[in-house]
PDB file of N, CA and C in Angstrom:
ATOM      1  N   UNK A   1      13.422  10.430   2.033  1.00  0.00           N
ATOM      2  CA  UNK A   1      13.480   9.140   1.394  1.00  0.00           C
ATOM      3  C   UNK A   1      13.651   9.250  -0.104  1.00  0.00           C
ATOM      4  N   UNK A   2      13.509  10.458  -0.653  1.00  0.00           N
ATOM      5  CA  UNK A   2      13.599  10.628  -2.093  1.00  0.00           C
ATOM      6  C   UNK A   2      15.004  10.335  -2.582  1.00  0.00           C
ATOM      7  N   UNK A   3      15.074   9.612  -3.702  1.00  0.00           N
ATOM      8  CA  UNK A   3      16.358   9.247  -4.291  1.00  0.00           C
ATOM      9  C   UNK A   3      16.592  10.111  -5.520  1.00  0.00           C
ATOM     10  N   UNK A   4      17.646  10.927  -5.469  1.00  0.00           N
ATOM     11  CA  UNK A   4      17.989  11.752  -6.612  1.00  0.00           C
ATOM     12  C   UNK A   4      18.498  10.904  -7.762  1.00  0.00           C
ATOM     13  N   UNK A   5      18.344  11.386  -8.982  1.00  0.00           N
ATOM     14  CA  UNK A   5      18.749  10.645 -10.173  1.00  0.00           C
ATOM     15  C   UNK A   5      20.220  10.259 -10.148  1.00  0.00           C
ATOM     16  N   UNK A   6      20.490   9.002 -10.452  1.00  0.00           N
ATOM     17  CA  UNK A   6      21.851   8.518 -10.573  1.00  0.00           C
ATOM     18  C   UNK A   6      22.535   8.156  -9.270  1.00  0.00           C
ATOM     19  N   UNK A   7      21.957   8.479  -8.153  1.00  0.00           N
ATOM     20  CA  UNK A   7      22.585   8.185  -6.864  1.00  0.00           C
ATOM     21  C   UNK A   7      22.330   6.730  -6.469  1.00  0.00           C
ATOM     22  N   UNK A   8      23.242   6.180  -5.713  1.00  0.00           N
ATOM     23  CA  UNK A   8      23.057   4.830  -5.181  1.00  0.00           C
ATOM     24  C   UNK A   8      22.093   4.914  -4.011  1.00  0.00           C
ATOM     25  N   UNK A   9      21.044   4.081  -4.031  1.00  0.00           N
ATOM     26  CA  UNK A   9      20.063   4.172  -2.947  1.00  0.00           C
ATOM     27  C   UNK A   9      20.638   3.719  -1.612  1.00  0.00           C
ATOM     28  N   UNK A  10      20.207   4.393  -0.570  1.00  0.00           N
ATOM     29  CA  UNK A  10      20.546   3.973   0.785  1.00  0.00           C
ATOM     30  C   UNK A  10      19.655   2.784   1.134  1.00  0.00           C
ATOM     31  N   UNK A  11      20.024   2.050   2.157  1.00  0.00           N
ATOM     32  CA  UNK A  11      19.240   0.896   2.577  1.00  0.00           C
ATOM     33  C   UNK A  11      17.793   1.304   2.880  1.00  0.00           C
ATOM     34  N   UNK A  12      17.613   2.408   3.572  1.00  0.00           N
ATOM     35  CA  UNK A  12      16.277   2.888   3.922  1.00  0.00           C
ATOM     36  C   UNK A  12      15.453   3.178   2.670  1.00  0.00           C
ATOM     37  N   UNK A  13      16.083   3.743   1.647  1.00  0.00           N
ATOM     38  CA  UNK A  13      15.373   4.040   0.406  1.00  0.00           C
ATOM     39  C   UNK A  13      14.972   2.757  -0.313  1.00  0.00           C
ATOM     40  N   UNK A  14      15.862   1.776  -0.313  1.00  0.00           N
ATOM     41  CA  UNK A  14      15.547   0.494  -0.947  1.00  0.00           C
ATOM     42  C   UNK A  14      14.365  -0.172  -0.247  1.00  0.00           C
ATOM     43  N   UNK A  15      14.352  -0.126   1.067  1.00  0.00           N
ATOM     44  CA  UNK A  15      13.239  -0.704   1.827  1.00  0.00           C
ATOM     45  C   UNK A  15      11.951   0.046   1.511  1.00  0.00           C
ATOM     46  N   UNK A  16      12.026   1.363   1.421  1.00  0.00           N
ATOM     47  CA  UNK A  16      10.837   2.162   1.097  1.00  0.00           C
ATOM     48  C   UNK A  16      10.295   1.787  -0.280  1.00  0.00           C
ATOM     49  N   UNK A  17      11.171   1.622  -1.263  1.00  0.00           N
ATOM     50  CA  UNK A  17      10.732   1.241  -2.607  1.00  0.00           C
ATOM     51  C   UNK A  17      10.109  -0.149  -2.593  1.00  0.00           C
ATOM     52  N   UNK A  18      10.684  -1.073  -1.843  1.00  0.00           N
ATOM     53  CA  UNK A  18      10.119  -2.417  -1.747  1.00  0.00           C
ATOM     54  C   UNK A  18       8.731  -2.375  -1.113  1.00  0.00           C
ATOM     55  N   UNK A  19       8.571  -1.581  -0.066  1.00  0.00           N
ATOM     56  CA  UNK A  19       7.270  -1.457   0.583  1.00  0.00           C
ATOM     57  C   UNK A  19       6.256  -0.799  -0.349  1.00  0.00           C
ATOM     58  N   UNK A  20       6.690   0.220  -1.059  1.00  0.00           N
ATOM     59  CA  UNK A  20       5.796   0.883  -2.014  1.00  0.00           C
ATOM     60  C   UNK A  20       5.329  -0.108  -3.074  1.00  0.00           C
ATOM     61  N   UNK A  21       6.262  -0.910  -3.589  1.00  0.00           N
ATOM     62  CA  UNK A  21       5.897  -1.898  -4.595  1.00  0.00           C
ATOM     63  C   UNK A  21       4.948  -2.949  -4.023  1.00  0.00           C
ATOM     64  N   UNK A  22       5.158  -3.309  -2.768  1.00  0.00           N
ATOM     65  CA  UNK A  22       4.280  -4.271  -2.100  1.00  0.00           C
ATOM     66  C   UNK A  22       2.864  -3.698  -1.971  1.00  0.00           C
ATOM     67  N   UNK A  23       2.775  -2.414  -1.649  1.00  0.00           N
ATOM     68  CA  UNK A  23       1.468  -1.746  -1.563  1.00  0.00           C
ATOM     69  C   UNK A  23       0.774  -1.803  -2.921  1.00  0.00           C
ATOM     70  N   UNK A  24       1.485  -1.369  -3.957  1.00  0.00           N
ATOM     71  CA  UNK A  24       0.893  -1.307  -5.298  1.00  0.00           C
ATOM     72  C   UNK A  24       0.488  -2.688  -5.805  1.00  0.00           C
ATOM     73  N   UNK A  25       1.338  -3.676  -5.593  1.00  0.00           N
ATOM     74  CA  UNK A  25       1.036  -5.034  -6.044  1.00  0.00           C
ATOM     75  C   UNK A  25      -0.227  -5.561  -5.380  1.00  0.00           C
ATOM     76  N   UNK A  26      -0.333  -5.368  -4.072  1.00  0.00           N
ATOM     77  CA  UNK A  26      -1.496  -5.880  -3.360  1.00  0.00           C
ATOM     78  C   UNK A  26      -2.761  -5.092  -3.662  1.00  0.00           C
ATOM     79  N   UNK A  27      -2.637  -3.802  -3.922  1.00  0.00           N
ATOM     80  CA  UNK A  27      -3.814  -3.026  -4.332  1.00  0.00           C
ATOM     81  C   UNK A  27      -4.312  -3.476  -5.703  1.00  0.00           C
ATOM     82  N   UNK A  28      -3.387  -3.774  -6.615  1.00  0.00           N
ATOM     83  CA  UNK A  28      -3.776  -4.274  -7.928  1.00  0.00           C
ATOM     84  C   UNK A  28      -4.454  -5.636  -7.802  1.00  0.00           C
ATOM     85  N   UNK A  29      -3.913  -6.500  -6.953  1.00  0.00           N
ATOM     86  CA  UNK A  29      -4.516  -7.817  -6.728  1.00  0.00           C
ATOM     87  C   UNK A  29      -5.890  -7.674  -6.073  1.00  0.00           C
ATOM     88  N   UNK A  30      -5.994  -6.744  -5.139  1.00  0.00           N
ATOM     89  CA  UNK A  30      -7.263  -6.472  -4.468  1.00  0.00           C
ATOM     90  C   UNK A  30      -8.314  -6.030  -5.487  1.00  0.00           C
ATOM     91  N   UNK A  31      -7.928  -5.133  -6.364  1.00  0.00           N
ATOM     92  CA  UNK A  31      -8.848  -4.642  -7.391  1.00  0.00           C
ATOM     93  C   UNK A  31      -9.280  -5.775  -8.323  1.00  0.00           C
ATOM     94  N   UNK A  32      -8.330  -6.584  -8.765  1.00  0.00           N
ATOM     95  CA  UNK A  32      -8.654  -7.699  -9.667  1.00  0.00           C
ATOM     96  C   UNK A  32      -9.574  -8.708  -8.987  1.00  0.00           C
ATOM     97  N   UNK A  33      -9.305  -9.008  -7.738  1.00  0.00           N
ATOM     98  CA  UNK A  33     -10.133  -9.965  -7.002  1.00  0.00           C
ATOM     99  C   UNK A  33     -11.539  -9.413  -6.793  1.00  0.00           C
ATOM    100  N   UNK A  34     -11.652  -8.138  -6.486  1.00  0.00           N
ATOM    101  CA  UNK A  34     -12.959  -7.515  -6.310  1.00  0.00           C
ATOM    102  C   UNK A  34     -13.754  -7.565  -7.615  1.00  0.00           C
ATOM    103  N   UNK A  35     -13.099  -7.231  -8.718  1.00  0.00           N
ATOM    104  CA  UNK A  35     -13.773  -7.296 -10.018  1.00  0.00           C
ATOM    105  C   UNK A  35     -14.229  -8.722 -10.307  1.00  0.00           C
ATOM    106  N   UNK A  36     -13.388  -9.703 -10.002  1.00  0.00           N
ATOM    107  CA  UNK A  36     -13.745 -11.102 -10.199  1.00  0.00           C
ATOM    108  C   UNK A  36     -14.970 -11.475  -9.369  1.00  0.00           C
ATOM    109  N   UNK A  37     -14.955 -11.095  -8.101  1.00  0.00           N
ATOM    110  CA  UNK A  37     -16.085 -11.429  -7.230  1.00  0.00           C
ATOM    111  C   UNK A  37     -17.377 -10.755  -7.690  1.00  0.00           C
ATOM    112  N   UNK A  38     -17.272  -9.528  -8.166  1.00  0.00           N
ATOM    113  CA  UNK A  38     -18.459  -8.815  -8.629  1.00  0.00           C
ATOM    114  C   UNK A  38     -19.012  -9.408  -9.927  1.00  0.00           C
ATOM    115  N   UNK A  39     -18.146  -9.978 -10.762  1.00  0.00           N
ATOM    116  CA  UNK A  39     -18.567 -10.583 -12.028  1.00  0.00           C
ATOM    117  C   UNK A  39     -19.050 -12.020 -11.861  1.00  0.00           C
ATOM    118  N   UNK A  40     -18.728 -12.619 -10.761  1.00  0.00           N
ATOM    119  CA  UNK A  40     -19.038 -14.032 -10.552  1.00  0.00           C
ATOM    120  C   UNK A  40     -20.533 -14.293 -10.717  1.00  0.00           C
ATOM    121  N   UNK A  41     -20.838 -15.351 -11.455  1.00  0.00           N
ATOM    122  CA  UNK A  41     -22.248 -15.687 -11.692  1.00  0.00           C
ATOM    123  C   UNK A  41     -22.896 -16.300 -10.452  1.00  0.00           C
ATOM    124  N   UNK A  42     -22.067 -16.854  -9.567  1.00  0.00           N
ATOM    125  CA  UNK A  42     -22.589 -17.435  -8.322  1.00  0.00           C
ATOM    126  C   UNK A  42     -21.819 -16.840  -7.146  1.00  0.00           C
ATOM    127  N   UNK A  43     -22.082 -15.571  -6.806  1.00  0.00           N
ATOM    128  CA  UNK A  43     -21.312 -14.897  -5.757  1.00  0.00           C
ATOM    129  C   UNK A  43     -21.344 -15.613  -4.409  1.00  0.00           C
ATOM    130  N   UNK A  44     -22.423 -16.304  -4.112  1.00  0.00           N
ATOM    131  CA  UNK A  44     -22.500 -16.964  -2.807  1.00  0.00           C
ATOM    132  C   UNK A  44     -21.507 -18.121  -2.696  1.00  0.00           C
ATOM    133  N   UNK A  45     -21.063 -18.645  -3.847  1.00  0.00           N
ATOM    134  CA  UNK A  45     -20.088 -19.737  -3.842  1.00  0.00           C
ATOM    135  C   UNK A  45     -18.651 -19.240  -3.718  1.00  0.00           C
ATOM    136  N   UNK A  46     -18.449 -17.955  -3.891  1.00  0.00           N
ATOM    137  CA  UNK A  46     -17.105 -17.386  -3.863  1.00  0.00           C
ATOM    138  C   UNK A  46     -16.753 -16.901  -2.460  1.00  0.00           C
ATOM    139  N   UNK A  47     -15.530 -17.143  -2.065  1.00  0.00           N
ATOM    140  CA  UNK A  47     -15.057 -16.710  -0.754  1.00  0.00           C
ATOM    141  C   UNK A  47     -14.321 -15.379  -0.877  1.00  0.00           C
ATOM    142  N   UNK A  48     -14.545 -14.465   0.056  1.00  0.00           N
ATOM    143  CA  UNK A  48     -13.812 -13.197   0.040  1.00  0.00           C
ATOM    144  C   UNK A  48     -12.451 -13.292   0.736  1.00  0.00           C
ATOM    145  N   UNK A  49     -11.994 -14.504   1.020  1.00  0.00           N
ATOM    146  CA  UNK A  49     -10.741 -14.668   1.759  1.00  0.00           C
ATOM    147  C   UNK A  49      -9.548 -14.025   1.052  1.00  0.00           C
ATOM    148  N   UNK A  50      -9.436 -14.228  -0.274  1.00  0.00           N
ATOM    149  CA  UNK A  50      -8.326 -13.615  -1.008  1.00  0.00           C
ATOM    150  C   UNK A  50      -8.411 -12.102  -0.955  1.00  0.00           C
ATOM    151  N   UNK A  51      -9.620 -11.588  -1.075  1.00  0.00           N
ATOM    152  CA  UNK A  51      -9.832 -10.138  -1.008  1.00  0.00           C
ATOM    153  C   UNK A  51      -9.338  -9.586   0.327  1.00  0.00           C
ATOM    154  N   UNK A  52      -9.706 -10.252   1.393  1.00  0.00           N
ATOM    155  CA  UNK A  52      -9.268  -9.825   2.728  1.00  0.00           C
ATOM    156  C   UNK A  52      -7.752  -9.928   2.880  1.00  0.00           C
ATOM    157  N   UNK A  53      -7.183 -10.995   2.333  1.00  0.00           N
ATOM    158  CA  UNK A  53      -5.731 -11.188   2.429  1.00  0.00           C
ATOM    159  C   UNK A  53      -4.981 -10.061   1.713  1.00  0.00           C
ATOM    160  N   UNK A  54      -5.414  -9.705   0.493  1.00  0.00           N
ATOM    161  CA  UNK A  54      -4.763  -8.615  -0.237  1.00  0.00           C
ATOM    162  C   UNK A  54      -4.907  -7.286   0.515  1.00  0.00           C
ATOM    163  N   UNK A  55      -6.055  -7.061   1.119  1.00  0.00           N
ATOM    164  CA  UNK A  55      -6.268  -5.833   1.891  1.00  0.00           C
ATOM    165  C   UNK A  55      -5.340  -5.796   3.106  1.00  0.00           C
ATOM    166  N   UNK A  56      -5.221  -6.935   3.800  1.00  0.00           N
ATOM    167  CA  UNK A  56      -4.321  -6.996   4.965  1.00  0.00           C
ATOM    168  C   UNK A  56      -2.868  -6.755   4.556  1.00  0.00           C
ATOM    169  N   UNK A  57      -2.460  -7.382   3.452  1.00  0.00           N
ATOM    170  CA  UNK A  57      -1.079  -7.216   2.993  1.00  0.00           C
ATOM    171  C   UNK A  57      -0.790  -5.774   2.585  1.00  0.00           C
ATOM    172  N   UNK A  58      -1.739  -5.145   1.894  1.00  0.00           N
ATOM    173  CA  UNK A  58      -1.557  -3.749   1.485  1.00  0.00           C
ATOM    174  C   UNK A  58      -1.490  -2.843   2.712  1.00  0.00           C
ATOM    175  N   UNK A  59      -2.351  -3.094   3.690  1.00  0.00           N
ATOM    176  CA  UNK A  59      -2.361  -2.291   4.920  1.00  0.00           C
ATOM    177  C   UNK A  59      -1.043  -2.440   5.680  1.00  0.00           C
ATOM    178  N   UNK A  60      -0.566  -3.653   5.802  1.00  0.00           N
ATOM    179  CA  UNK A  60       0.699  -3.892   6.500  1.00  0.00           C
ATOM    180  C   UNK A  60       1.854  -3.210   5.783  1.00  0.00           C
ATOM    181  N   UNK A  61       1.885  -3.319   4.462  1.00  0.00           N
ATOM    182  CA  UNK A  61       2.946  -2.667   3.695  1.00  0.00           C
ATOM    183  C   UNK A  61       2.881  -1.151   3.856  1.00  0.00           C
ATOM    184  N   UNK A  62       1.666  -0.587   3.899  1.00  0.00           N
ATOM    185  CA  UNK A  62       1.528   0.861   4.088  1.00  0.00           C
ATOM    186  C   UNK A  62       2.015   1.265   5.471  1.00  0.00           C
ATOM    187  N   UNK A  63       1.678   0.481   6.478  1.00  0.00           N
ATOM    188  CA  UNK A  63       2.153   0.778   7.833  1.00  0.00           C
ATOM    189  C   UNK A  63       3.681   0.720   7.890  1.00  0.00           C
ATOM    190  N   UNK A  64       4.262  -0.275   7.238  1.00  0.00           N
ATOM    191  CA  UNK A  64       5.726  -0.393   7.199  1.00  0.00           C
ATOM    192  C   UNK A  64       6.351   0.779   6.454  1.00  0.00           C
ATOM    193  N   UNK A  65       5.711   1.195   5.372  1.00  0.00           N
ATOM    194  CA  UNK A  65       6.204   2.324   4.585  1.00  0.00           C
ATOM    195  C   UNK A  65       6.156   3.603   5.417  1.00  0.00           C
ATOM    196  N   UNK A  66       5.033   3.836   6.073  1.00  0.00           N
ATOM    197  CA  UNK A  66       4.890   5.059   6.874  1.00  0.00           C
ATOM    198  C   UNK A  66       5.813   5.058   8.088  1.00  0.00           C
ATOM    199  N   UNK A  67       6.174   3.884   8.566  1.00  0.00           N
ATOM    200  CA  UNK A  67       7.095   3.801   9.705  1.00  0.00           C
ATOM    201  C   UNK A  67       8.491   4.300   9.334  1.00  0.00           C
ATOM    202  N   UNK A  68       8.785   4.359   8.041  1.00  0.00           N
ATOM    203  CA  UNK A  68      10.087   4.844   7.581  1.00  0.00           C
ATOM    204  C   UNK A  68      10.162   6.365   7.505  1.00  0.00           C
ATOM    205  N   UNK A  69       9.001   7.002   7.506  1.00  0.00           N
ATOM    206  CA  UNK A  69       8.956   8.462   7.389  1.00  0.00           C
ATOM    207  C   UNK A  69       9.343   9.081   8.730  1.00  0.00           C
ATOM    208  N   UNK A  70      10.231  10.067   8.711  1.00  0.00           N
ATOM    209  CA  UNK A  70      10.566  10.745   9.968  1.00  0.00           C
ATOM    210  C   UNK A  70       9.292  11.265  10.636  1.00  0.00           C
ATOM    211  N   UNK A  71       9.162  11.056  11.954  1.00  0.00           N
ATOM    212  CA  UNK A  71       7.923  11.407  12.660  1.00  0.00           C
ATOM    213  C   UNK A  71       7.444  12.842  12.440  1.00  0.00           C
ATOM    214  N   UNK A  72       8.364  13.808  12.429  1.00  0.00           N
ATOM    215  CA  UNK A  72       7.925  15.201  12.245  1.00  0.00           C
ATOM    216  C   UNK A  72       7.348  15.417  10.843  1.00  0.00           C
ATOM    217  N   UNK A  73       7.905  14.753   9.837  1.00  0.00           N
ATOM    218  CA  UNK A  73       7.378  14.869   8.474  1.00  0.00           C
ATOM    219  C   UNK A  73       6.027  14.175   8.359  1.00  0.00           C
ATOM    220  N   UNK A  74       5.885  13.045   9.010  1.00  0.00           N
ATOM    221  CA  UNK A  74       4.616  12.317   8.988  1.00  0.00           C
ATOM    222  C   UNK A  74       3.512  13.140   9.644  1.00  0.00           C
ATOM    223  N   UNK A  75       3.814  13.740  10.798  1.00  0.00           N
ATOM    224  CA  UNK A  75       2.815  14.568  11.483  1.00  0.00           C
ATOM    225  C   UNK A  75       2.415  15.772  10.637  1.00  0.00           C
ATOM    226  N   UNK A  76       3.382  16.365   9.970  1.00  0.00           N
ATOM    227  CA  UNK A  76       3.088  17.505   9.099  1.00  0.00           C
ATOM    228  C   UNK A  76       2.173  17.064   7.955  1.00  0.00           C
ATOM    229  N   UNK A  77       2.467  15.926   7.357  1.00  0.00           N
ATOM    230  CA  UNK A  77       1.631  15.408   6.264  1.00  0.00           C
ATOM    231  C   UNK A  77       0.221  15.104   6.741  1.00  0.00           C
ATOM    232  N   UNK A  78       0.109  14.542   7.935  1.00  0.00           N
ATOM    233  CA  UNK A  78      -1.220  14.244   8.498  1.00  0.00           C
ATOM    234  C   UNK A  78      -2.005  15.531   8.714  1.00  0.00           C
ATOM    235  N   UNK A  79      -1.337  16.554   9.249  1.00  0.00           N
ATOM    236  CA  UNK A  79      -2.007  17.842   9.461  1.00  0.00           C
ATOM    237  C   UNK A  79      -2.476  18.437   8.139  1.00  0.00           C
ATOM    238  N   UNK A  80      -1.622  18.403   7.138  1.00  0.00           N
ATOM    239  CA  UNK A  80      -1.976  18.982   5.839  1.00  0.00           C
ATOM    240  C   UNK A  80      -3.144  18.254   5.217  1.00  0.00           C
ATOM    241  N   UNK A  81      -3.093  16.933   5.213  1.00  0.00           N
ATOM    242  CA  UNK A  81      -4.154  16.166   4.563  1.00  0.00           C
ATOM    243  C   UNK A  81      -5.466  16.190   5.340  1.00  0.00           C
ATOM    244  N   UNK A  82      -5.390  16.270   6.654  1.00  0.00           N
ATOM    245  CA  UNK A  82      -6.634  16.299   7.436  1.00  0.00           C
ATOM    246  C   UNK A  82      -7.295  17.663   7.375  1.00  0.00           C
ATOM    247  N   UNK A  83      -6.551  18.718   7.113  1.00  0.00           N
ATOM    248  CA  UNK A  83      -7.149  20.055   7.029  1.00  0.00           C
ATOM    249  C   UNK A  83      -7.806  20.290   5.673  1.00  0.00           C
ATOM    250  N   UNK A  84      -7.515  19.419   4.688  1.00  0.00           N
ATOM    251  CA  UNK A  84      -8.114  19.571   3.357  1.00  0.00           C
ATOM    252  C   UNK A  84      -9.492  18.951   3.282  1.00  0.00           C
ATOM    253  N   UNK A  85      -9.874  18.167   4.259  1.00  0.00           N
ATOM    254  CA  UNK A  85     -11.172  17.482   4.169  1.00  0.00           C
ATOM    255  C   UNK A  85     -12.297  18.314   4.719  1.00  0.00           C
TER     256      UNK A  85
END
């Protein structure tokens, strides 16, 4: 999925970049919402609905992103990362 410098992106690469950006955007929103909820003077009045929504969106975008990875590469990455723990 890596795009070399100056090359025109393939459709799959463009989709991967869009999904990556969706992940990052929702993680940033999740972080901001969490900080807001933690700072709130009346936490019981605040709903965690936005927090849950950002988490769901980030998770979905990550699943979509990982679905673009060739299965053999994904399995190799899973093996490598799980053996480091």
